[in-house]
Amino acid sequence: MENQEQLKQRLPLIRCECGAEILFIPDLKEMSHSIEAHVFEHRRNEKGPAKVAINANRIRDALISQVLRKASDRENETSDF
């Protein structure tokens, strides 16, 4: 039986700089919703409108970048001969 850490290593996760882990799913609409929900949490915790916008954009971009890399990696895994 796998322990929780071994299972987490096998799951396709993206990770925020805050340490939160978001399950990668191959559904663009749902993945976008998950990212925006997480960005919203960051926005709630920030002070000052300028800082909120800058940090939200940075976090969103970092998470989207991970999604694109993970999708590309998965595509390459399935297209190998």
PDB file of N, CA and C in Angstrom:
ATOM      1  N   MET A   1       0.837  -1.179   0.000  1.00  0.00           N
ATOM      2  CA  MET A   1       0.000   0.000   0.000  1.00  0.00           C
ATOM      3  C   MET A   1       0.887   1.248   0.000  1.00  0.00           C
ATOM      4  N   GLU A   2       0.581   2.174  -0.904  1.00  0.00           N
ATOM      5  CA  GLU A   2       1.378   3.393  -1.009  1.00  0.00           C
ATOM      6  C   GLU A   2       1.058   4.342   0.140  1.00  0.00           C
ATOM      7  N   ASN A   3       2.105   4.976   0.621  1.00  0.00           N
ATOM      8  CA  ASN A   3       1.819   6.011   1.606  1.00  0.00           C
ATOM      9  C   ASN A   3       1.468   7.308   0.879  1.00  0.00           C
ATOM     10  N   GLN A   4       1.029   8.274   1.624  1.00  0.00           N
ATOM     11  CA  GLN A   4       0.527   9.515   1.031  1.00  0.00           C
ATOM     12  C   GLN A   4       1.601  10.238   0.216  1.00  0.00           C
ATOM     13  N   GLU A   5       2.829  10.232   0.666  1.00  0.00           N
ATOM     14  CA  GLU A   5       3.907  10.924  -0.051  1.00  0.00           C
ATOM     15  C   GLU A   5       4.200  10.256  -1.390  1.00  0.00           C
ATOM     16  N   GLN A   6       4.203   8.933  -1.442  1.00  0.00           N
ATOM     17  CA  GLN A   6       4.428   8.222  -2.696  1.00  0.00           C
ATOM     18  C   GLN A   6       3.304   8.500  -3.690  1.00  0.00           C
ATOM     19  N   LEU A   7       2.087   8.544  -3.201  1.00  0.00           N
ATOM     20  CA  LEU A   7       0.948   8.841  -4.060  1.00  0.00           C
ATOM     21  C   LEU A   7       1.049  10.255  -4.620  1.00  0.00           C
ATOM     22  N   LYS A   8       1.414  11.222  -3.780  1.00  0.00           N
ATOM     23  CA  LYS A   8       1.552  12.605  -4.236  1.00  0.00           C
ATOM     24  C   LYS A   8       2.619  12.729  -5.314  1.00  0.00           C
ATOM     25  N   GLN A   9       3.675  11.951  -5.225  1.00  0.00           N
ATOM     26  CA  GLN A   9       4.736  12.013  -6.223  1.00  0.00           C
ATOM     27  C   GLN A   9       4.254  11.499  -7.574  1.00  0.00           C
ATOM     28  N   ARG A  10       3.291  10.619  -7.589  1.00  0.00           N
ATOM     29  CA  ARG A  10       2.780  10.074  -8.845  1.00  0.00           C
ATOM     30  C   ARG A  10       1.688  10.934  -9.463  1.00  0.00           C
ATOM     31  N   LEU A  11       1.014  11.742  -8.651  1.00  0.00           N
ATOM     32  CA  LEU A  11      -0.052  12.587  -9.177  1.00  0.00           C
ATOM     33  C   LEU A  11       0.525  13.745  -9.975  1.00  0.00           C
ATOM     34  N   PRO A  12      -0.133  14.118 -11.066  1.00  0.00           N
ATOM     35  CA  PRO A  12       0.327  15.282 -11.834  1.00  0.00           C
ATOM     36  C   PRO A  12      -0.126  16.567 -11.146  1.00  0.00           C
ATOM     37  N   LEU A  13       0.789  17.195 -10.428  1.00  0.00           N
ATOM     38  CA  LEU A  13       0.470  18.393  -9.665  1.00  0.00           C
ATOM     39  C   LEU A  13       1.227  19.594 -10.209  1.00  0.00           C
ATOM     40  N   ILE A  14       0.617  20.764 -10.076  1.00  0.00           N
ATOM     41  CA  ILE A  14       1.358  22.005 -10.255  1.00  0.00           C
ATOM     42  C   ILE A  14       1.431  22.637  -8.872  1.00  0.00           C
ATOM     43  N   ARG A  15       2.494  23.368  -8.637  1.00  0.00           N
ATOM     44  CA  ARG A  15       2.722  23.913  -7.304  1.00  0.00           C
ATOM     45  C   ARG A  15       2.902  25.424  -7.348  1.00  0.00           C
ATOM     46  N   CYS A  16       2.191  26.082  -6.468  1.00  0.00           N
ATOM     47  CA  CYS A  16       2.313  27.527  -6.326  1.00  0.00           C
ATOM     48  C   CYS A  16       3.518  27.840  -5.445  1.00  0.00           C
ATOM     49  N   GLU A  17       4.019  29.048  -5.572  1.00  0.00           N
ATOM     50  CA  GLU A  17       5.143  29.473  -4.731  1.00  0.00           C
ATOM     51  C   GLU A  17       4.775  29.472  -3.255  1.00  0.00           C
ATOM     52  N   CYS A  18       3.473  29.530  -2.937  1.00  0.00           N
ATOM     53  CA  CYS A  18       3.041  29.521  -1.539  1.00  0.00           C
ATOM     54  C   CYS A  18       3.033  28.106  -0.966  1.00  0.00           C
ATOM     55  N   GLY A  19       3.250  27.104  -1.826  1.00  0.00           N
ATOM     56  CA  GLY A  19       3.270  25.723  -1.377  1.00  0.00           C
ATOM     57  C   GLY A  19       2.008  24.944  -1.710  1.00  0.00           C
ATOM     58  N   ALA A  20       0.970  25.635  -2.132  1.00  0.00           N
ATOM     59  CA  ALA A  20      -0.280  24.954  -2.498  1.00  0.00           C
ATOM     60  C   ALA A  20      -0.060  24.081  -3.721  1.00  0.00           C
ATOM     61  N   GLU A  21      -0.709  22.938  -3.741  1.00  0.00           N
ATOM     62  CA  GLU A  21      -0.622  22.017  -4.863  1.00  0.00           C
ATOM     63  C   GLU A  21      -1.990  21.916  -5.524  1.00  0.00           C
ATOM     64  N   ILE A  22      -1.990  21.983  -6.844  1.00  0.00           N
ATOM     65  CA  ILE A  22      -3.221  21.914  -7.621  1.00  0.00           C
ATOM     66  C   ILE A  22      -3.093  20.737  -8.565  1.00  0.00           C
ATOM     67  N   LEU A  23      -4.095  19.875  -8.547  1.00  0.00           N
ATOM     68  CA  LEU A  23      -4.088  18.704  -9.409  1.00  0.00           C
ATOM     69  C   LEU A  23      -4.201  19.130 -10.865  1.00  0.00           C
ATOM     70  N   PHE A  24      -3.282  18.657 -11.694  1.00  0.00           N
ATOM     71  CA  PHE A  24      -3.319  18.931 -13.128  1.00  0.00           C
ATOM     72  C   PHE A  24      -4.358  18.007 -13.756  1.00  0.00           C
ATOM     73  N   ILE A  25      -5.308  18.605 -14.464  1.00  0.00           N
ATOM     74  CA  ILE A  25      -6.303  17.820 -15.180  1.00  0.00           C
ATOM     75  C   ILE A  25      -6.322  18.280 -16.633  1.00  0.00           C
ATOM     76  N   PRO A  26      -6.527  17.362 -17.575  1.00  0.00           N
ATOM     77  CA  PRO A  26      -6.468  17.724 -18.994  1.00  0.00           C
ATOM     78  C   PRO A  26      -7.771  18.331 -19.513  1.00  0.00           C
ATOM     79  N   ASP A  27      -8.337  19.233 -18.756  1.00  0.00           N
ATOM     80  CA  ASP A  27      -9.554  19.941 -19.151  1.00  0.00           C
ATOM     81  C   ASP A  27      -9.262  21.425 -18.957  1.00  0.00           C
ATOM     82  N   LEU A  28      -9.100  22.127 -20.064  1.00  0.00           N
ATOM     83  CA  LEU A  28      -8.668  23.520 -20.013  1.00  0.00           C
ATOM     84  C   LEU A  28      -9.591  24.387 -19.175  1.00  0.00           C
ATOM     85  N   LYS A  29     -10.885  24.224 -19.342  1.00  0.00           N
ATOM     86  CA  LYS A  29     -11.842  25.045 -18.604  1.00  0.00           C
ATOM     87  C   LYS A  29     -11.724  24.801 -17.094  1.00  0.00           C
ATOM     88  N   GLU A  30     -11.644  23.549 -16.690  1.00  0.00           N
ATOM     89  CA  GLU A  30     -11.535  23.224 -15.270  1.00  0.00           C
ATOM     90  C   GLU A  30     -10.178  23.636 -14.695  1.00  0.00           C
ATOM     91  N   MET A  31      -9.116  23.459 -15.485  1.00  0.00           N
ATOM     92  CA  MET A  31      -7.792  23.855 -15.012  1.00  0.00           C
ATOM     93  C   MET A  31      -7.744  25.366 -14.814  1.00  0.00           C
ATOM     94  N   SER A  32      -8.324  26.101 -15.745  1.00  0.00           N
ATOM     95  CA  SER A  32      -8.385  27.554 -15.636  1.00  0.00           C
ATOM     96  C   SER A  32      -9.165  27.967 -14.390  1.00  0.00           C
ATOM     97  N   HIS A  33     -10.261  27.293 -14.141  1.00  0.00           N
ATOM     98  CA  HIS A  33     -11.075  27.590 -12.954  1.00  0.00           C
ATOM     99  C   HIS A  33     -10.264  27.358 -11.678  1.00  0.00           C
ATOM    100  N   SER A  34      -9.519  26.265 -11.630  1.00  0.00           N
ATOM    101  CA  SER A  34      -8.700  25.957 -10.453  1.00  0.00           C
ATOM    102  C   SER A  34      -7.628  27.017 -10.224  1.00  0.00           C
ATOM    103  N   ILE A  35      -6.988  27.441 -11.298  1.00  0.00           N
ATOM    104  CA  ILE A  35      -5.951  28.469 -11.184  1.00  0.00           C
ATOM    105  C   ILE A  35      -6.560  29.778 -10.708  1.00  0.00           C
ATOM    106  N   GLU A  36      -7.673  30.188 -11.310  1.00  0.00           N
ATOM    107  CA  GLU A  36      -8.296  31.456 -10.919  1.00  0.00           C
ATOM    108  C   GLU A  36      -8.789  31.420  -9.476  1.00  0.00           C
ATOM    109  N   ALA A  37      -9.287  30.281  -9.021  1.00  0.00           N
ATOM    110  CA  ALA A  37      -9.716  30.159  -7.624  1.00  0.00           C
ATOM    111  C   ALA A  37      -8.519  30.334  -6.691  1.00  0.00           C
ATOM    112  N   HIS A  38      -7.377  29.774  -7.074  1.00  0.00           N
ATOM    113  CA  HIS A  38      -6.191  29.923  -6.239  1.00  0.00           C
ATOM    114  C   HIS A  38      -5.672  31.367  -6.268  1.00  0.00           C
ATOM    115  N   VAL A  39      -5.669  31.973  -7.439  1.00  0.00           N
ATOM    116  CA  VAL A  39      -5.241  33.374  -7.554  1.00  0.00           C
ATOM    117  C   VAL A  39      -6.143  34.262  -6.701  1.00  0.00           C
ATOM    118  N   PHE A  40      -7.435  33.978  -6.693  1.00  0.00           N
ATOM    119  CA  PHE A  40      -8.374  34.739  -5.878  1.00  0.00           C
ATOM    120  C   PHE A  40      -7.986  34.683  -4.407  1.00  0.00           C
ATOM    121  N   GLU A  41      -7.560  33.519  -3.929  1.00  0.00           N
ATOM    122  CA  GLU A  41      -7.116  33.394  -2.530  1.00  0.00           C
ATOM    123  C   GLU A  41      -5.921  34.295  -2.256  1.00  0.00           C
ATOM    124  N   HIS A  42      -4.997  34.362  -3.191  1.00  0.00           N
ATOM    125  CA  HIS A  42      -3.849  35.253  -3.023  1.00  0.00           C
ATOM    126  C   HIS A  42      -4.300  36.708  -3.003  1.00  0.00           C
ATOM    127  N   ARG A  43      -5.224  37.057  -3.877  1.00  0.00           N
ATOM    128  CA  ARG A  43      -5.707  38.437  -3.951  1.00  0.00           C
ATOM    129  C   ARG A  43      -6.346  38.856  -2.631  1.00  0.00           C
ATOM    130  N   ARG A  44      -7.069  37.954  -2.002  1.00  0.00           N
ATOM    131  CA  ARG A  44      -7.726  38.262  -0.726  1.00  0.00           C
ATOM    132  C   ARG A  44      -6.728  38.542   0.379  1.00  0.00           C
ATOM    133  N   ASN A  45      -5.556  37.947   0.288  1.00  0.00           N
ATOM    134  CA  ASN A  45      -4.565  38.075   1.356  1.00  0.00           C
ATOM    135  C   ASN A  45      -3.586  39.222   1.152  1.00  0.00           C
ATOM    136  N   GLU A  46      -3.627  39.896   0.014  1.00  0.00           N
ATOM    137  CA  GLU A  46      -2.698  40.989  -0.277  1.00  0.00           C
ATOM    138  C   GLU A  46      -3.268  42.334   0.179  1.00  0.00           C
ATOM    139  N   LYS A  47      -2.377  43.268   0.431  1.00  0.00           N
ATOM    140  CA  LYS A  47      -2.755  44.630   0.813  1.00  0.00           C
ATOM    141  C   LYS A  47      -2.313  45.587  -0.289  1.00  0.00           C
ATOM    142  N   GLY A  48      -3.184  46.491  -0.646  1.00  0.00           N
ATOM    143  CA  GLY A  48      -2.857  47.502  -1.656  1.00  0.00           C
ATOM    144  C   GLY A  48      -3.164  47.037  -3.058  1.00  0.00           C
ATOM    145  N   PRO A  49      -3.923  47.820  -3.807  1.00  0.00           N
ATOM    146  CA  PRO A  49      -4.373  47.392  -5.145  1.00  0.00           C
ATOM    147  C   PRO A  49      -3.253  47.135  -6.143  1.00  0.00           C
ATOM    148  N   ALA A  50      -2.206  47.916  -6.109  1.00  0.00           N
ATOM    149  CA  ALA A  50      -1.110  47.719  -7.063  1.00  0.00           C
ATOM    150  C   ALA A  50      -0.411  46.386  -6.793  1.00  0.00           C
ATOM    151  N   LYS A  51      -0.152  46.111  -5.531  1.00  0.00           N
ATOM    152  CA  LYS A  51       0.516  44.870  -5.161  1.00  0.00           C
ATOM    153  C   LYS A  51      -0.376  43.664  -5.472  1.00  0.00           C
ATOM    154  N   VAL A  52      -1.671  43.813  -5.263  1.00  0.00           N
ATOM    155  CA  VAL A  52      -2.617  42.734  -5.551  1.00  0.00           C
ATOM    156  C   VAL A  52      -2.540  42.347  -7.023  1.00  0.00           C
ATOM    157  N   ALA A  53      -2.605  43.337  -7.903  1.00  0.00           N
ATOM    158  CA  ALA A  53      -2.601  43.065  -9.346  1.00  0.00           C
ATOM    159  C   ALA A  53      -1.284  42.439  -9.799  1.00  0.00           C
ATOM    160  N   ILE A  54      -0.187  42.984  -9.336  1.00  0.00           N
ATOM    161  CA  ILE A  54       1.128  42.478  -9.744  1.00  0.00           C
ATOM    162  C   ILE A  54       1.316  41.036  -9.278  1.00  0.00           C
ATOM    163  N   ASN A  55       1.020  40.771  -8.026  1.00  0.00           N
ATOM    164  CA  ASN A  55       1.214  39.417  -7.500  1.00  0.00           C
ATOM    165  C   ASN A  55       0.240  38.425  -8.121  1.00  0.00           C
ATOM    166  N   ALA A  56      -0.994  38.833  -8.344  1.00  0.00           N
ATOM    167  CA  ALA A  56      -1.968  37.942  -8.966  1.00  0.00           C
ATOM    168  C   ALA A  56      -1.514  37.558 -10.368  1.00  0.00           C
ATOM    169  N   ASN A  57      -1.050  38.513 -11.131  1.00  0.00           N
ATOM    170  CA  ASN A  57      -0.570  38.224 -12.489  1.00  0.00           C
ATOM    171  C   ASN A  57       0.647  37.313 -12.475  1.00  0.00           C
ATOM    172  N   ARG A  58       1.561  37.559 -11.550  1.00  0.00           N
ATOM    173  CA  ARG A  58       2.777  36.740 -11.455  1.00  0.00           C
ATOM    174  C   ARG A  58       2.421  35.300 -11.095  1.00  0.00           C
ATOM    175  N   ILE A  59       1.540  35.137 -10.133  1.00  0.00           N
ATOM    176  CA  ILE A  59       1.146  33.794  -9.705  1.00  0.00           C
ATOM    177  C   ILE A  59       0.396  33.087 -10.825  1.00  0.00           C
ATOM    178  N   ARG A  60      -0.533  33.771 -11.461  1.00  0.00           N
ATOM    179  CA  ARG A  60      -1.292  33.196 -12.575  1.00  0.00           C
ATOM    180  C   ARG A  60      -0.338  32.748 -13.680  1.00  0.00           C
ATOM    181  N   ASP A  61       0.592  33.615 -14.064  1.00  0.00           N
ATOM    182  CA  ASP A  61       1.537  33.281 -15.131  1.00  0.00           C
ATOM    183  C   ASP A  61       2.395  32.065 -14.771  1.00  0.00           C
ATOM    184  N   ALA A  62       2.840  32.001 -13.530  1.00  0.00           N
ATOM    185  CA  ALA A  62       3.671  30.874 -13.107  1.00  0.00           C
ATOM    186  C   ALA A  62       2.889  29.567 -13.149  1.00  0.00           C
ATOM    187  N   LEU A  63       1.641  29.594 -12.711  1.00  0.00           N
ATOM    188  CA  LEU A  63       0.824  28.385 -12.725  1.00  0.00           C
ATOM    189  C   LEU A  63       0.483  27.960 -14.152  1.00  0.00           C
ATOM    190  N   ILE A  64       0.150  28.921 -15.000  1.00  0.00           N
ATOM    191  CA  ILE A  64      -0.149  28.607 -16.400  1.00  0.00           C
ATOM    192  C   ILE A  64       1.080  28.021 -17.088  1.00  0.00           C
ATOM    193  N   SER A  65       2.237  28.560 -16.790  1.00  0.00           N
ATOM    194  CA  SER A  65       3.478  28.047 -17.362  1.00  0.00           C
ATOM    195  C   SER A  65       3.684  26.580 -16.975  1.00  0.00           C
ATOM    196  N   GLN A  66       3.415  26.252 -15.719  1.00  0.00           N
ATOM    197  CA  GLN A  66       3.548  24.866 -15.288  1.00  0.00           C
ATOM    198  C   GLN A  66       2.547  23.958 -16.003  1.00  0.00           C
ATOM    199  N   VAL A  67       1.324  24.446 -16.195  1.00  0.00           N
ATOM    200  CA  VAL A  67       0.305  23.665 -16.899  1.00  0.00           C
ATOM    201  C   VAL A  67       0.762  23.375 -18.326  1.00  0.00           C
ATOM    202  N   LEU A  68       1.278  24.384 -19.003  1.00  0.00           N
ATOM    203  CA  LEU A  68       1.728  24.190 -20.382  1.00  0.00           C
ATOM    204  C   LEU A  68       2.883  23.203 -20.461  1.00  0.00           C
ATOM    205  N   ARG A  69       3.825  23.320 -19.529  1.00  0.00           N
ATOM    206  CA  ARG A  69       4.951  22.375 -19.504  1.00  0.00           C
ATOM    207  C   ARG A  69       4.458  20.953 -19.240  1.00  0.00           C
ATOM    208  N   LYS A  70       3.565  20.813 -18.267  1.00  0.00           N
ATOM    209  CA  LYS A  70       3.058  19.491 -17.920  1.00  0.00           C
ATOM    210  C   LYS A  70       2.273  18.895 -19.091  1.00  0.00           C
ATOM    211  N   ALA A  71       1.461  19.696 -19.767  1.00  0.00           N
ATOM    212  CA  ALA A  71       0.700  19.218 -20.924  1.00  0.00           C
ATOM    213  C   ALA A  71       1.647  18.796 -22.040  1.00  0.00           C
ATOM    214  N   SER A  72       2.694  19.572 -22.251  1.00  0.00           N
ATOM    215  CA  SER A  72       3.677  19.237 -23.280  1.00  0.00           C
ATOM    216  C   SER A  72       4.400  17.938 -22.929  1.00  0.00           C
ATOM    217  N   ASP A  73       4.789  17.780 -21.682  1.00  0.00           N
ATOM    218  CA  ASP A  73       5.461  16.555 -21.245  1.00  0.00           C
ATOM    219  C   ASP A  73       4.562  15.342 -21.452  1.00  0.00           C
ATOM    220  N   ARG A  74       3.296  15.481 -21.096  1.00  0.00           N
ATOM    221  CA  ARG A  74       2.352  14.372 -21.252  1.00  0.00           C
ATOM    222  C   ARG A  74       2.144  14.054 -22.724  1.00  0.00           C
ATOM    223  N   GLU A  75       2.094  15.061 -23.565  1.00  0.00           N
ATOM    224  CA  GLU A  75       1.934  14.849 -25.006  1.00  0.00           C
ATOM    225  C   GLU A  75       3.147  14.107 -25.562  1.00  0.00           C
ATOM    226  N   ASN A  76       4.330  14.498 -25.123  1.00  0.00           N
ATOM    227  CA  ASN A  76       5.559  13.848 -25.589  1.00  0.00           C
ATOM    228  C   ASN A  76       5.622  12.396 -25.120  1.00  0.00           C
ATOM    229  N   GLU A  77       5.112  12.116 -23.917  1.00  0.00           N
ATOM    230  CA  GLU A  77       5.106  10.745 -23.406  1.00  0.00           C
ATOM    231  C   GLU A  77       4.212   9.852 -24.249  1.00  0.00           C
ATOM    232  N   THR A  78       3.079  10.374 -24.704  1.00  0.00           N
ATOM    233  CA  THR A  78       2.136   9.556 -25.443  1.00  0.00           C
ATOM    234  C   THR A  78       2.482   9.456 -26.932  1.00  0.00           C
ATOM    235  N   SER A  79       3.322  10.350 -27.424  1.00  0.00           N
ATOM    236  CA  SER A  79       3.647  10.314 -28.859  1.00  0.00           C
ATOM    237  C   SER A  79       4.973   9.605 -29.134  1.00  0.00           C
ATOM    238  N   ASP A  80       5.652   9.112 -28.101  1.00  0.00           N
ATOM    239  CA  ASP A  80       6.887   8.358 -28.322  1.00  0.00           C
ATOM    240  C   ASP A  80       6.583   7.043 -29.029  1.00  0.00           C
ATOM    241  N   PHE A  81       7.464   6.668 -29.925  1.00  0.00           N
ATOM    242  CA  PHE A  81       7.248   5.428 -30.674  1.00  0.00           C
ATOM    243  C   PHE A  81       7.784   4.252 -29.935  1.00  0.00           C
TER     244      PHE A  81
END
